[in-house]
Amino acid sequence: MKHKTISVKILYRILRKIAENKTDELGDVTTSEDSGVITTLIKDRVA
């Protein structure tokens, strides 16, 4: 169960940085199952 809690915290951190347009501060996202999704979120972000 603890693993899922940590994963959610990481996901929220990434989403918050994308929403704040601070994509240069994302850190390591290679642990995500599909890091291509993060790239798509950044590319398709609505300003």
C-alpha atoms as a PDB file:
ATOM      1  CA  MET A   1       0.000   0.000   0.000  1.00  0.00           C
ATOM      2  CA  LYS A   2       2.795   2.421   0.798  1.00  0.00           C
ATOM      3  CA  HIS A   3       4.149   2.131  -2.760  1.00  0.00           C
ATOM      4  CA  LYS A   4       0.867   3.470  -4.170  1.00  0.00           C
ATOM      5  CA  THR A   5       0.891   6.409  -1.760  1.00  0.00           C
ATOM      6  CA  ILE A   6       4.369   7.399  -2.882  1.00  0.00           C
ATOM      7  CA  SER A   7       3.383   7.029  -6.552  1.00  0.00           C
ATOM      8  CA  VAL A   8       0.384   9.302  -6.096  1.00  0.00           C
ATOM      9  CA  LYS A   9       2.515  11.929  -4.369  1.00  0.00           C
ATOM     10  CA  ILE A  10       4.970  11.849  -7.273  1.00  0.00           C
ATOM     11  CA  LEU A  11       2.132  12.121  -9.791  1.00  0.00           C
ATOM     12  CA  TYR A  12       0.626  15.114  -7.985  1.00  0.00           C
ATOM     13  CA  ARG A  13       4.034  16.797  -7.879  1.00  0.00           C
ATOM     14  CA  ILE A  14       4.470  16.298 -11.632  1.00  0.00           C
ATOM     15  CA  LEU A  15       0.952  17.515 -12.444  1.00  0.00           C
ATOM     16  CA  ARG A  16       1.393  20.578 -10.232  1.00  0.00           C
ATOM     17  CA  LYS A  17       4.656  21.491 -11.979  1.00  0.00           C
ATOM     18  CA  ILE A  18       3.003  21.110 -15.392  1.00  0.00           C
ATOM     19  CA  ALA A  19       0.046  23.267 -14.283  1.00  0.00           C
ATOM     20  CA  GLU A  20       2.433  25.930 -12.960  1.00  0.00           C
ATOM     21  CA  ASN A  21       4.341  25.806 -16.266  1.00  0.00           C
ATOM     22  CA  LYS A  22       7.511  24.777 -14.412  1.00  0.00           C
ATOM     23  CA  THR A  23       8.335  21.814 -16.607  1.00  0.00           C
ATOM     24  CA  ASP A  24      12.051  22.482 -16.226  1.00  0.00           C
ATOM     25  CA  GLU A  25      11.620  21.553 -12.536  1.00  0.00           C
ATOM     26  CA  LEU A  26       9.947  18.153 -13.040  1.00  0.00           C
ATOM     27  CA  GLY A  27      12.941  16.141 -11.919  1.00  0.00           C
ATOM     28  CA  ASP A  28      13.279  12.463 -12.727  1.00  0.00           C
ATOM     29  CA  VAL A  29      10.153  11.092 -14.400  1.00  0.00           C
ATOM     30  CA  THR A  30      11.735   7.905 -15.727  1.00  0.00           C
ATOM     31  CA  THR A  31      10.127   5.894 -12.935  1.00  0.00           C
ATOM     32  CA  SER A  32       6.675   6.466 -14.418  1.00  0.00           C
ATOM     33  CA  GLU A  33       5.230   3.514 -16.270  1.00  0.00           C
ATOM     34  CA  ASP A  34       4.856   5.533 -19.480  1.00  0.00           C
ATOM     35  CA  SER A  35       6.875   8.758 -19.446  1.00  0.00           C
ATOM     36  CA  GLY A  36       5.441   9.561 -22.899  1.00  0.00           C
ATOM     37  CA  VAL A  37       2.198  10.511 -21.158  1.00  0.00           C
ATOM     38  CA  ILE A  38       4.031  13.264 -19.296  1.00  0.00           C
ATOM     39  CA  THR A  39       5.409  14.591 -22.577  1.00  0.00           C
ATOM     40  CA  THR A  40       1.893  14.605 -24.026  1.00  0.00           C
ATOM     41  CA  LEU A  41       0.512  16.444 -20.987  1.00  0.00           C
ATOM     42  CA  ILE A  42       3.192  19.112 -21.337  1.00  0.00           C
ATOM     43  CA  LYS A  43       2.649  19.463 -25.081  1.00  0.00           C
ATOM     44  CA  ASP A  44      -1.147  19.621 -24.836  1.00  0.00           C
ATOM     45  CA  ARG A  45      -1.238  21.860 -21.748  1.00  0.00           C
ATOM     46  CA  VAL A  46      -3.830  24.609 -22.017  1.00  0.00           C
ATOM     47  CA  ALA A  47      -2.392  27.938 -20.914  1.00  0.00           C
END
